[in-house]
Protein backbone atom coordinates (compact mmCIF):
# COMPACT_ATOMS: atom_id res chain seq x y z
CA MET A 1 -0.36 -0.16 0.02
CA ALA A 2 1.68 3.29 -0.86
CA HIS A 3 -0.20 6.99 -1.52
CA LEU A 4 1.67 10.27 -1.90
CA GLY A 5 0.53 11.76 1.23
CA ARG A 6 2.38 12.53 4.32
CA ARG A 7 0.20 10.22 6.84
CA PRO A 8 -0.54 6.69 6.43
CA THR A 9 -4.08 6.28 5.12
CA ALA A 10 -6.51 4.51 7.48
CA HIS A 11 -5.97 1.26 6.03
CA GLN A 12 -2.23 1.77 6.93
CA ARG A 13 -2.85 2.70 10.16
CA SER A 14 -5.30 -0.22 11.05
CA ALA A 15 -2.43 -2.40 9.20
CA LEU A 16 0.42 -1.13 11.49
CA GLU A 17 -1.66 -1.16 14.34
CA TRP A 18 -2.63 -4.60 13.99
CA LEU A 19 0.83 -6.05 12.57
CA ASN A 20 2.49 -3.85 15.37
CA PRO A 21 0.24 -3.42 18.48
CA GLU A 22 3.69 -2.04 20.69
CA SER A 23 6.96 0.05 19.56
CA THR A 24 9.20 -1.94 16.83
CA VAL A 25 12.27 -0.89 18.97
CA LEU A 26 13.60 -4.45 20.53
CA GLY A 27 13.23 -4.07 24.37
CA CYS A 28 10.58 -1.17 24.10
CA GLY A 29 7.51 -2.19 25.16
CA VAL A 30 5.45 0.91 24.65
CA VAL A 31 1.72 0.33 23.28
CA SER A 32 -0.30 3.64 23.83
CA ARG A 33 0.45 7.12 21.57
CA LEU A 34 2.93 5.49 19.08
CA GLU A 35 4.14 7.49 16.24
CA ILE A 36 4.75 6.53 13.24
CA ASP A 37 7.87 6.87 11.73
CA HIS A 38 9.06 6.58 7.53
CA ARG A 39 12.07 4.60 7.19
CA VAL A 40 12.79 6.79 4.26
CA ASP A 41 12.17 10.67 4.94
CA TRP A 42 9.04 11.45 3.55
CA ALA A 43 10.74 14.78 2.57
CA THR A 44 13.01 12.80 0.18
CA SER A 45 10.60 10.09 -1.01
CA HIS A 46 7.18 11.75 -0.79
CA LEU A 47 5.71 8.21 -0.48
CA THR A 48 4.20 6.60 2.19
CA LEU A 49 4.98 3.06 1.77
CA PHE A 50 3.37 0.72 4.33
CA ASP A 51 6.90 -1.50 4.29
CA LEU A 52 8.91 1.49 4.97
CA LEU A 53 6.76 2.26 8.17
CA ASP A 54 7.23 1.89 11.92
CA ARG A 55 5.63 2.61 15.30
CA MET A 56 7.70 3.60 18.09
CA CYS A 57 7.47 6.08 20.95
CA ASP A 58 8.14 9.45 21.44
CA HIS A 59 11.34 9.07 22.80
CA HIS A 60 12.81 6.71 20.32
CA GLN A 61 11.39 8.90 17.37
CA TRP A 62 13.38 11.63 19.39
CA LEU A 63 16.77 9.67 19.03
CA LYS A 64 15.84 8.97 15.44
CA THR A 65 15.30 12.54 14.32
CA ILE A 66 18.19 14.30 16.88
CA ASP A 67 20.62 12.15 16.82
CA GLY A 68 20.43 9.72 14.23
CA TRP A 69 19.72 6.59 15.72
CA ALA A 70 17.86 3.80 13.57
CA LEU A 71 15.96 0.82 13.35
CA VAL A 72 17.87 -2.17 11.50
CA PRO A 73 16.72 -3.27 8.50
CA GLY A 74 13.95 -5.88 8.71
CA ARG A 75 10.14 -6.35 9.98
CA GLY A 76 8.74 -6.09 13.47
CA LYS A 77 10.77 -6.11 16.87
CA ARG A 78 14.41 -5.35 15.96
CA ALA A 79 17.48 -3.30 17.02
CA PHE A 80 17.08 0.27 17.49
CA VAL A 81 21.22 1.10 17.16
CA PRO A 82 23.28 4.74 17.12
CA PRO A 83 24.88 5.87 13.61
CA ASP A 84 28.49 4.40 14.57
CA ASP A 85 26.65 0.71 14.93
CA PRO A 86 27.67 -1.01 11.85
CA ARG A 87 24.27 -2.41 11.87
CA HIS A 88 23.01 1.09 11.12
CA PRO A 89 21.54 1.21 7.73
CA ARG A 90 23.71 4.04 6.45
CA ASN A 91 26.56 1.39 7.54
CA ALA A 92 25.27 -1.36 6.42
CA GLY A 93 24.88 -1.02 2.68
CA GLY A 94 23.23 2.38 2.86
CA GLU A 95 19.93 4.23 3.56
CA GLN A 96 16.82 2.36 2.83
CA ARG A 97 14.99 3.71 0.14
CA PRO A 98 11.49 2.83 -1.76
CA PRO A 99 11.48 0.71 -4.54
CA PRO A 100 11.86 1.80 -8.29
CA GLY A 101 8.73 2.77 -9.92
């Protein structure tokens, strides 16, 4: 599912809430007031792709936005690492990008 708006559609939001009832950050059990994060910044892609959205608490969202932390590639619960970690998407083969097309 994809669309050109910044916010996920109601269908995308419902699917995210069903698949990820809590934060996707490994070790974070927050279940309420989760933010929806674009793995590829919307300002760059101008797309909201379901496969590139994650739910995270405001603390982890802040670390991502301000300090460059990121979830390791994959789906579901996974490690959240600082920019100098070798598993960070920038260090493990580049930023995640939306599929061409």
